């Protein structure tokens, strides 16, 4: 039995979120429309769930490139927030 909520295996919905994030740009239309149409959730719920999934080892096992990209973006945003504009601007990927 899992001792923490994060110890539970990925649900099918979690896998669909990670799979959508892996290739959303290949689908027609805006990302938010795809989130609503394909995942049946609001964009805010999607991004909240994605942030939580970025810390889960099971998510990394399922979609390592997506999780590494999410973690990298989070680190970059934290760095920008704490170090401010002293760093030269680097475009986000």
PDB file of N, CA and C in Angstrom:
ATOM      1  N   UNK A   1       0.840  -1.181   0.000  1.00  0.00           N
ATOM      2  CA  UNK A   1       0.000   0.000   0.000  1.00  0.00           C
ATOM      3  C   UNK A   1       0.890   1.252   0.000  1.00  0.00           C
ATOM      4  N   UNK A   2       0.595   2.229  -0.821  1.00  0.00           N
ATOM      5  CA  UNK A   2       1.419   3.440  -0.878  1.00  0.00           C
ATOM      6  C   UNK A   2       1.378   4.208   0.433  1.00  0.00           C
ATOM      7  N   UNK A   3       2.536   4.738   0.811  1.00  0.00           N
ATOM      8  CA  UNK A   3       2.608   5.498   2.051  1.00  0.00           C
ATOM      9  C   UNK A   3       2.311   6.975   1.834  1.00  0.00           C
ATOM     10  N   UNK A   4       2.526   7.457   0.613  1.00  0.00           N
ATOM     11  CA  UNK A   4       2.238   8.849   0.279  1.00  0.00           C
ATOM     12  C   UNK A   4       1.441   8.872  -1.017  1.00  0.00           C
ATOM     13  N   UNK A   5       0.700   9.953  -1.279  1.00  0.00           N
ATOM     14  CA  UNK A   5      -0.050  10.029  -2.539  1.00  0.00           C
ATOM     15  C   UNK A   5       0.859   9.920  -3.760  1.00  0.00           C
ATOM     16  N   UNK A   6       2.099  10.422  -3.675  1.00  0.00           N
ATOM     17  CA  UNK A   6       3.004  10.384  -4.817  1.00  0.00           C
ATOM     18  C   UNK A   6       3.588   8.999  -5.063  1.00  0.00           C
ATOM     19  N   UNK A   7       3.384   8.057  -4.149  1.00  0.00           N
ATOM     20  CA  UNK A   7       3.905   6.714  -4.318  1.00  0.00           C
ATOM     21  C   UNK A   7       2.980   5.835  -5.158  1.00  0.00           C
ATOM     22  N   UNK A   8       1.805   6.318  -5.452  1.00  0.00           N
ATOM     23  CA  UNK A   8       0.869   5.509  -6.211  1.00  0.00           C
ATOM     24  C   UNK A   8       1.282   5.482  -7.688  1.00  0.00           C
ATOM     25  N   UNK A   9       0.927   4.419  -8.405  1.00  0.00           N
ATOM     26  CA  UNK A   9       1.267   4.355  -9.826  1.00  0.00           C
ATOM     27  C   UNK A   9       0.526   5.437 -10.610  1.00  0.00           C
ATOM     28  N   UNK A  10       1.048   5.747 -11.777  1.00  0.00           N
ATOM     29  CA  UNK A  10       0.394   6.735 -12.630  1.00  0.00           C
ATOM     30  C   UNK A  10      -0.968   6.224 -13.068  1.00  0.00           C
ATOM     31  N   UNK A  11      -1.926   7.117 -13.050  1.00  0.00           N
ATOM     32  CA  UNK A  11      -3.244   6.784 -13.573  1.00  0.00           C
ATOM     33  C   UNK A  11      -3.238   6.983 -15.082  1.00  0.00           C
ATOM     34  N   UNK A  12      -4.227   6.428 -15.751  1.00  0.00           N
ATOM     35  CA  UNK A  12      -4.344   6.611 -17.198  1.00  0.00           C
ATOM     36  C   UNK A  12      -4.433   8.094 -17.554  1.00  0.00           C
ATOM     37  N   UNK A  13      -5.147   8.849 -16.742  1.00  0.00           N
ATOM     38  CA  UNK A  13      -5.287  10.288 -16.997  1.00  0.00           C
ATOM     39  C   UNK A  13      -3.930  10.995 -16.900  1.00  0.00           C
ATOM     40  N   UNK A  14      -3.099  10.591 -15.940  1.00  0.00           N
ATOM     41  CA  UNK A  14      -1.756  11.168 -15.820  1.00  0.00           C
ATOM     42  C   UNK A  14      -0.930  10.872 -17.067  1.00  0.00           C
ATOM     43  N   UNK A  15      -1.033   9.652 -17.570  1.00  0.00           N
ATOM     44  CA  UNK A  15      -0.310   9.282 -18.788  1.00  0.00           C
ATOM     45  C   UNK A  15      -0.798  10.101 -19.984  1.00  0.00           C
ATOM     46  N   UNK A  16      -2.106  10.312 -20.071  1.00  0.00           N
ATOM     47  CA  UNK A  16      -2.657  11.106 -21.176  1.00  0.00           C
ATOM     48  C   UNK A  16      -2.159  12.550 -21.101  1.00  0.00           C
ATOM     49  N   UNK A  17      -2.048  13.095 -19.896  1.00  0.00           N
ATOM     50  CA  UNK A  17      -1.533  14.461 -19.728  1.00  0.00           C
ATOM     51  C   UNK A  17      -0.086  14.531 -20.214  1.00  0.00           C
ATOM     52  N   UNK A  18       0.730  13.591 -19.803  1.00  0.00           N
ATOM     53  CA  UNK A  18       2.132  13.577 -20.221  1.00  0.00           C
ATOM     54  C   UNK A  18       2.263  13.364 -21.733  1.00  0.00           C
ATOM     55  N   UNK A  19       1.448  12.495 -22.280  1.00  0.00           N
ATOM     56  CA  UNK A  19       1.485  12.248 -23.723  1.00  0.00           C
ATOM     57  C   UNK A  19       1.036  13.481 -24.498  1.00  0.00           C
ATOM     58  N   UNK A  20       0.027  14.165 -23.998  1.00  0.00           N
ATOM     59  CA  UNK A  20      -0.434  15.397 -24.654  1.00  0.00           C
ATOM     60  C   UNK A  20       0.675  16.441 -24.627  1.00  0.00           C
ATOM     61  N   UNK A  21       1.322  16.615 -23.485  1.00  0.00           N
ATOM     62  CA  UNK A  21       2.397  17.605 -23.361  1.00  0.00           C
ATOM     63  C   UNK A  21       3.569  17.254 -24.279  1.00  0.00           C
ATOM     64  N   UNK A  22       3.784  15.984 -24.523  1.00  0.00           N
ATOM     65  CA  UNK A  22       4.895  15.552 -25.373  1.00  0.00           C
ATOM     66  C   UNK A  22       4.708  15.965 -26.829  1.00  0.00           C
ATOM     67  N   UNK A  23       3.469  16.150 -27.259  1.00  0.00           N
ATOM     68  CA  UNK A  23       3.290  16.454 -28.676  1.00  0.00           C
ATOM     69  C   UNK A  23       2.125  17.365 -28.993  1.00  0.00           C
ATOM     70  N   UNK A  24       1.783  18.263 -28.086  1.00  0.00           N
ATOM     71  CA  UNK A  24       0.617  19.116 -28.314  1.00  0.00           C
ATOM     72  C   UNK A  24       0.770  19.983 -29.556  1.00  0.00           C
ATOM     73  N   UNK A  25       1.989  20.353 -29.931  1.00  0.00           N
ATOM     74  CA  UNK A  25       2.181  21.259 -31.060  1.00  0.00           C
ATOM     75  C   UNK A  25       1.925  20.579 -32.400  1.00  0.00           C
ATOM     76  N   UNK A  26       1.812  19.252 -32.396  1.00  0.00           N
ATOM     77  CA  UNK A  26       1.518  18.548 -33.643  1.00  0.00           C
ATOM     78  C   UNK A  26       0.019  18.511 -33.933  1.00  0.00           C
ATOM     79  N   UNK A  27      -0.780  18.926 -32.984  1.00  0.00           N
ATOM     80  CA  UNK A  27      -2.232  18.929 -33.146  1.00  0.00           C
ATOM     81  C   UNK A  27      -2.692  20.286 -33.675  1.00  0.00           C
ATOM     82  N   UNK A  28      -3.775  20.308 -34.406  1.00  0.00           N
ATOM     83  CA  UNK A  28      -4.274  21.589 -34.925  1.00  0.00           C
ATOM     84  C   UNK A  28      -4.898  22.429 -33.804  1.00  0.00           C
ATOM     85  N   UNK A  29      -4.798  23.728 -33.940  1.00  0.00           N
ATOM     86  CA  UNK A  29      -5.453  24.645 -33.014  1.00  0.00           C
ATOM     87  C   UNK A  29      -4.622  24.977 -31.799  1.00  0.00           C
ATOM     88  N   UNK A  30      -5.141  25.894 -30.994  1.00  0.00           N
ATOM     89  CA  UNK A  30      -4.450  26.320 -29.773  1.00  0.00           C
ATOM     90  C   UNK A  30      -4.366  25.198 -28.742  1.00  0.00           C
ATOM     91  N   UNK A  31      -3.343  25.272 -27.930  1.00  0.00           N
ATOM     92  CA  UNK A  31      -3.113  24.254 -26.896  1.00  0.00           C
ATOM     93  C   UNK A  31      -4.289  24.172 -25.931  1.00  0.00           C
ATOM     94  N   UNK A  32      -4.814  25.322 -25.513  1.00  0.00           N
ATOM     95  CA  UNK A  32      -5.909  25.315 -24.532  1.00  0.00           C
ATOM     96  C   UNK A  32      -7.153  24.624 -25.082  1.00  0.00           C
ATOM     97  N   UNK A  33      -7.393  24.767 -26.384  1.00  0.00           N
ATOM     98  CA  UNK A  33      -8.537  24.085 -27.000  1.00  0.00           C
ATOM     99  C   UNK A  33      -8.302  22.579 -26.999  1.00  0.00           C
ATOM    100  N   UNK A  34      -7.083  22.169 -27.299  1.00  0.00           N
ATOM    101  CA  UNK A  34      -6.750  20.752 -27.269  1.00  0.00           C
ATOM    102  C   UNK A  34      -6.868  20.150 -25.885  1.00  0.00           C
ATOM    103  N   UNK A  35      -6.461  20.916 -24.882  1.00  0.00           N
ATOM    104  CA  UNK A  35      -6.581  20.449 -23.493  1.00  0.00           C
ATOM    105  C   UNK A  35      -8.035  20.169 -23.172  1.00  0.00           C
ATOM    106  N   UNK A  36      -8.893  21.113 -23.506  1.00  0.00           N
ATOM    107  CA  UNK A  36     -10.318  20.964 -23.207  1.00  0.00           C
ATOM    108  C   UNK A  36     -10.926  19.817 -24.020  1.00  0.00           C
ATOM    109  N   UNK A  37     -10.604  19.764 -25.307  1.00  0.00           N
ATOM    110  CA  UNK A  37     -11.208  18.775 -26.209  1.00  0.00           C
ATOM    111  C   UNK A  37     -10.708  17.360 -25.927  1.00  0.00           C
ATOM    112  N   UNK A  38      -9.393  17.190 -25.748  1.00  0.00           N
ATOM    113  CA  UNK A  38      -8.834  15.850 -25.628  1.00  0.00           C
ATOM    114  C   UNK A  38      -8.779  15.330 -24.192  1.00  0.00           C
ATOM    115  N   UNK A  39      -8.561  16.231 -23.243  1.00  0.00           N
ATOM    116  CA  UNK A  39      -8.391  15.792 -21.857  1.00  0.00           C
ATOM    117  C   UNK A  39      -9.600  16.100 -20.976  1.00  0.00           C
ATOM    118  N   UNK A  40     -10.523  16.908 -21.503  1.00  0.00           N
ATOM    119  CA  UNK A  40     -11.754  17.246 -20.785  1.00  0.00           C
ATOM    120  C   UNK A  40     -11.484  17.882 -19.425  1.00  0.00           C
ATOM    121  N   UNK A  41     -10.562  18.865 -19.440  1.00  0.00           N
ATOM    122  CA  UNK A  41     -10.268  19.605 -18.212  1.00  0.00           C
ATOM    123  C   UNK A  41      -9.891  21.026 -18.589  1.00  0.00           C
ATOM    124  N   UNK A  42      -9.929  21.906 -17.610  1.00  0.00           N
ATOM    125  CA  UNK A  42      -9.534  23.289 -17.861  1.00  0.00           C
ATOM    126  C   UNK A  42      -8.011  23.379 -17.971  1.00  0.00           C
ATOM    127  N   UNK A  43      -7.552  24.456 -18.588  1.00  0.00           N
ATOM    128  CA  UNK A  43      -6.110  24.663 -18.718  1.00  0.00           C
ATOM    129  C   UNK A  43      -5.455  24.798 -17.355  1.00  0.00           C
ATOM    130  N   UNK A  44      -6.107  25.469 -16.410  1.00  0.00           N
ATOM    131  CA  UNK A  44      -5.504  25.636 -15.085  1.00  0.00           C
ATOM    132  C   UNK A  44      -5.352  24.287 -14.377  1.00  0.00           C
ATOM    133  N   UNK A  45      -6.332  23.408 -14.519  1.00  0.00           N
ATOM    134  CA  UNK A  45      -6.229  22.068 -13.934  1.00  0.00           C
ATOM    135  C   UNK A  45      -5.106  21.284 -14.607  1.00  0.00           C
ATOM    136  N   UNK A  46      -5.012  21.393 -15.912  1.00  0.00           N
ATOM    137  CA  UNK A  46      -3.965  20.713 -16.672  1.00  0.00           C
ATOM    138  C   UNK A  46      -2.583  21.142 -16.189  1.00  0.00           C
ATOM    139  N   UNK A  47      -2.350  22.447 -16.093  1.00  0.00           N
ATOM    140  CA  UNK A  47      -1.023  22.919 -15.684  1.00  0.00           C
ATOM    141  C   UNK A  47      -0.715  22.582 -14.230  1.00  0.00           C
ATOM    142  N   UNK A  48      -1.717  22.591 -13.380  1.00  0.00           N
ATOM    143  CA  UNK A  48      -1.503  22.196 -11.980  1.00  0.00           C
ATOM    144  C   UNK A  48      -1.098  20.732 -11.905  1.00  0.00           C
ATOM    145  N   UNK A  49      -1.817  19.885 -12.636  1.00  0.00           N
ATOM    146  CA  UNK A  49      -1.498  18.450 -12.643  1.00  0.00           C
ATOM    147  C   UNK A  49      -0.117  18.207 -13.253  1.00  0.00           C
ATOM    148  N   UNK A  50       0.221  18.942 -14.298  1.00  0.00           N
ATOM    149  CA  UNK A  50       1.521  18.795 -14.950  1.00  0.00           C
ATOM    150  C   UNK A  50       2.650  19.155 -13.987  1.00  0.00           C
ATOM    151  N   UNK A  51       2.450  20.232 -13.219  1.00  0.00           N
ATOM    152  CA  UNK A  51       3.471  20.612 -12.219  1.00  0.00           C
ATOM    153  C   UNK A  51       3.670  19.509 -11.187  1.00  0.00           C
ATOM    154  N   UNK A  52       2.594  18.908 -10.742  1.00  0.00           N
ATOM    155  CA  UNK A  52       2.701  17.820  -9.764  1.00  0.00           C
ATOM    156  C   UNK A  52       3.367  16.588 -10.373  1.00  0.00           C
ATOM    157  N   UNK A  53       3.044  16.298 -11.616  1.00  0.00           N
ATOM    158  CA  UNK A  53       3.633  15.134 -12.272  1.00  0.00           C
ATOM    159  C   UNK A  53       5.137  15.288 -12.477  1.00  0.00           C
ATOM    160  N   UNK A  54       5.616  16.495 -12.627  1.00  0.00           N
ATOM    161  CA  UNK A  54       7.047  16.724 -12.875  1.00  0.00           C
ATOM    162  C   UNK A  54       7.924  16.188 -11.744  1.00  0.00           C
ATOM    163  N   UNK A  55       7.368  16.029 -10.570  1.00  0.00           N
ATOM    164  CA  UNK A  55       8.141  15.550  -9.419  1.00  0.00           C
ATOM    165  C   UNK A  55       7.985  14.053  -9.161  1.00  0.00           C
ATOM    166  N   UNK A  56       7.205  13.397  -9.965  1.00  0.00           N
ATOM    167  CA  UNK A  56       6.932  11.971  -9.728  1.00  0.00           C
ATOM    168  C   UNK A  56       7.886  11.077 -10.499  1.00  0.00           C
ATOM    169  N   UNK A  57       8.565  10.162  -9.821  1.00  0.00           N
ATOM    170  CA  UNK A  57       9.464   9.230 -10.518  1.00  0.00           C
ATOM    171  C   UNK A  57       8.740   8.401 -11.583  1.00  0.00           C
ATOM    172  N   UNK A  58       7.482   8.064 -11.329  1.00  0.00           N
ATOM    173  CA  UNK A  58       6.716   7.282 -12.300  1.00  0.00           C
ATOM    174  C   UNK A  58       6.490   8.073 -13.585  1.00  0.00           C
ATOM    175  N   UNK A  59       6.307   9.374 -13.443  1.00  0.00           N
ATOM    176  CA  UNK A  59       6.133  10.229 -14.619  1.00  0.00           C
ATOM    177  C   UNK A  59       7.432  10.286 -15.412  1.00  0.00           C
ATOM    178  N   UNK A  60       8.546  10.364 -14.712  1.00  0.00           N
ATOM    179  CA  UNK A  60       9.839  10.377 -15.384  1.00  0.00           C
ATOM    180  C   UNK A  60      10.057   9.074 -16.154  1.00  0.00           C
ATOM    181  N   UNK A  61       9.657   7.965 -15.570  1.00  0.00           N
ATOM    182  CA  UNK A  61       9.785   6.680 -16.240  1.00  0.00           C
ATOM    183  C   UNK A  61       8.924   6.636 -17.500  1.00  0.00           C
ATOM    184  N   UNK A  62       7.723   7.205 -17.424  1.00  0.00           N
ATOM    185  CA  UNK A  62       6.801   7.179 -18.562  1.00  0.00           C
ATOM    186  C   UNK A  62       7.228   8.145 -19.667  1.00  0.00           C
ATOM    187  N   UNK A  63       7.637   9.346 -19.308  1.00  0.00           N
ATOM    188  CA  UNK A  63       7.957  10.386 -20.301  1.00  0.00           C
ATOM    189  C   UNK A  63       9.163  11.200 -19.847  1.00  0.00           C
ATOM    190  N   UNK A  64      10.364  10.619 -19.905  1.00  0.00           N
ATOM    191  CA  UNK A  64      11.537  11.305 -19.358  1.00  0.00           C
ATOM    192  C   UNK A  64      11.845  12.659 -20.009  1.00  0.00           C
ATOM    193  N   UNK A  65      11.685  12.773 -21.324  1.00  0.00           N
ATOM    194  CA  UNK A  65      11.993  14.047 -21.974  1.00  0.00           C
ATOM    195  C   UNK A  65      11.031  15.155 -21.551  1.00  0.00           C
ATOM    196  N   UNK A  66       9.765  14.815 -21.425  1.00  0.00           N
ATOM    197  CA  UNK A  66       8.772  15.797 -20.986  1.00  0.00           C
ATOM    198  C   UNK A  66       9.089  16.252 -19.565  1.00  0.00           C
ATOM    199  N   UNK A  67       9.347  15.315 -18.681  1.00  0.00           N
ATOM    200  CA  UNK A  67       9.619  15.649 -17.283  1.00  0.00           C
ATOM    201  C   UNK A  67      10.900  16.466 -17.159  1.00  0.00           C
ATOM    202  N   UNK A  68      11.934  16.099 -17.907  1.00  0.00           N
ATOM    203  CA  UNK A  68      13.172  16.889 -17.850  1.00  0.00           C
ATOM    204  C   UNK A  68      12.935  18.316 -18.349  1.00  0.00           C
ATOM    205  N   UNK A  69      12.146  18.461 -19.420  1.00  0.00           N
ATOM    206  CA  UNK A  69      11.835  19.795 -19.935  1.00  0.00           C
ATOM    207  C   UNK A  69      11.058  20.623 -18.900  1.00  0.00           C
ATOM    208  N   UNK A  70      10.082  19.994 -18.248  1.00  0.00           N
ATOM    209  CA  UNK A  70       9.298  20.698 -17.226  1.00  0.00           C
ATOM    210  C   UNK A  70      10.179  21.128 -16.055  1.00  0.00           C
ATOM    211  N   UNK A  71      11.043  20.243 -15.617  1.00  0.00           N
ATOM    212  CA  UNK A  71      11.938  20.565 -14.498  1.00  0.00           C
ATOM    213  C   UNK A  71      12.912  21.670 -14.880  1.00  0.00           C
ATOM    214  N   UNK A  72      13.424  21.615 -16.101  1.00  0.00           N
ATOM    215  CA  UNK A  72      14.355  22.638 -16.572  1.00  0.00           C
ATOM    216  C   UNK A  72      13.687  24.012 -16.624  1.00  0.00           C
ATOM    217  N   UNK A  73      12.474  24.058 -17.155  1.00  0.00           N
ATOM    218  CA  UNK A  73      11.734  25.336 -17.199  1.00  0.00           C
ATOM    219  C   UNK A  73      11.478  25.868 -15.798  1.00  0.00           C
ATOM    220  N   UNK A  74      11.112  24.980 -14.889  1.00  0.00           N
ATOM    221  CA  UNK A  74      10.850  25.406 -13.511  1.00  0.00           C
ATOM    222  C   UNK A  74      12.111  25.981 -12.878  1.00  0.00           C
ATOM    223  N   UNK A  75      13.241  25.311 -13.093  1.00  0.00           N
ATOM    224  CA  UNK A  75      14.515  25.798 -12.554  1.00  0.00           C
ATOM    225  C   UNK A  75      14.864  27.162 -13.144  1.00  0.00           C
ATOM    226  N   UNK A  76      14.681  27.310 -14.449  1.00  0.00           N
ATOM    227  CA  UNK A  76      14.983  28.579 -15.111  1.00  0.00           C
ATOM    228  C   UNK A  76      14.102  29.706 -14.572  1.00  0.00           C
ATOM    229  N   UNK A  77      12.825  29.438 -14.394  1.00  0.00           N
ATOM    230  CA  UNK A  77      11.914  30.468 -13.868  1.00  0.00           C
ATOM    231  C   UNK A  77      12.277  30.854 -12.435  1.00  0.00           C
ATOM    232  N   UNK A  78      12.652  29.871 -11.638  1.00  0.00           N
ATOM    233  CA  UNK A  78      13.085  30.172 -10.261  1.00  0.00           C
ATOM    234  C   UNK A  78      14.339  31.017 -10.270  1.00  0.00           C
ATOM    235  N   UNK A  79      15.267  30.644 -11.113  1.00  0.00           N
ATOM    236  CA  UNK A  79      16.516  31.397 -11.216  1.00  0.00           C
ATOM    237  C   UNK A  79      16.231  32.847 -11.630  1.00  0.00           C
ATOM    238  N   UNK A  80      15.376  33.030 -12.624  1.00  0.00           N
ATOM    239  CA  UNK A  80      15.017  34.382 -13.064  1.00  0.00           C
ATOM    240  C   UNK A  80      14.348  35.164 -11.941  1.00  0.00           C
ATOM    241  N   UNK A  81      13.505  34.498 -11.190  1.00  0.00           N
ATOM    242  CA  UNK A  81      12.781  35.166 -10.116  1.00  0.00           C
ATOM    243  C   UNK A  81      13.732  35.610  -8.999  1.00  0.00           C
ATOM    244  N   UNK A  82      14.698  34.760  -8.653  1.00  0.00           N
ATOM    245  CA  UNK A  82      15.590  35.082  -7.547  1.00  0.00           C
ATOM    246  C   UNK A  82      16.787  35.927  -7.946  1.00  0.00           C
ATOM    247  N   UNK A  83      17.279  35.745  -9.148  1.00  0.00           N
ATOM    248  CA  UNK A  83      18.443  36.502  -9.587  1.00  0.00           C
ATOM    249  C   UNK A  83      18.058  37.753 -10.351  1.00  0.00           C
ATOM    250  N   UNK A  84      16.811  37.852 -10.738  1.00  0.00           N
ATOM    251  CA  UNK A  84      16.319  39.057 -11.394  1.00  0.00           C
ATOM    252  C   UNK A  84      16.883  39.262 -12.778  1.00  0.00           C
ATOM    253  N   UNK A  85      16.895  40.516 -13.177  1.00  0.00           N
ATOM    254  CA  UNK A  85      17.292  40.882 -14.536  1.00  0.00           C
ATOM    255  C   UNK A  85      18.802  40.972 -14.694  1.00  0.00           C
ATOM    256  N   UNK A  86      19.577  40.586 -13.700  1.00  0.00           N
ATOM    257  CA  UNK A  86      21.029  40.668 -13.794  1.00  0.00           C
ATOM    258  C   UNK A  86      21.580  39.702 -14.837  1.00  0.00           C
ATOM    259  N   UNK A  87      20.849  38.643 -15.111  1.00  0.00           N
ATOM    260  CA  UNK A  87      21.298  37.685 -16.111  1.00  0.00           C
ATOM    261  C   UNK A  87      20.938  38.167 -17.509  1.00  0.00           C
ATOM    262  N   UNK A  88      21.780  37.893 -18.488  1.00  0.00           N
ATOM    263  CA  UNK A  88      21.404  38.225 -19.859  1.00  0.00           C
ATOM    264  C   UNK A  88      20.173  37.396 -20.251  1.00  0.00           C
ATOM    265  N   UNK A  89      19.303  38.005 -21.033  1.00  0.00           N
ATOM    266  CA  UNK A  89      18.068  37.321 -21.421  1.00  0.00           C
ATOM    267  C   UNK A  89      18.374  36.152 -22.341  1.00  0.00           C
ATOM    268  N   UNK A  90      17.807  34.986 -22.005  1.00  0.00           N
ATOM    269  CA  UNK A  90      17.929  33.813 -22.846  1.00  0.00           C
ATOM    270  C   UNK A  90      16.525  33.403 -23.272  1.00  0.00           C
ATOM    271  N   UNK A  91      16.318  33.196 -24.548  1.00  0.00           N
ATOM    272  CA  UNK A  91      14.968  32.821 -24.987  1.00  0.00           C
ATOM    273  C   UNK A  91      14.558  31.481 -24.413  1.00  0.00           C
ATOM    274  N   UNK A  92      13.283  31.368 -24.075  1.00  0.00           N
ATOM    275  CA  UNK A  92      12.741  30.098 -23.574  1.00  0.00           C
ATOM    276  C   UNK A  92      12.532  29.159 -24.729  1.00  0.00           C
ATOM    277  N   UNK A  93      12.691  27.901 -24.459  1.00  0.00           N
ATOM    278  CA  UNK A  93      12.486  26.889 -25.504  1.00  0.00           C
ATOM    279  C   UNK A  93      11.190  26.192 -25.293  1.00  0.00           C
TER     280      UNK A  93
END
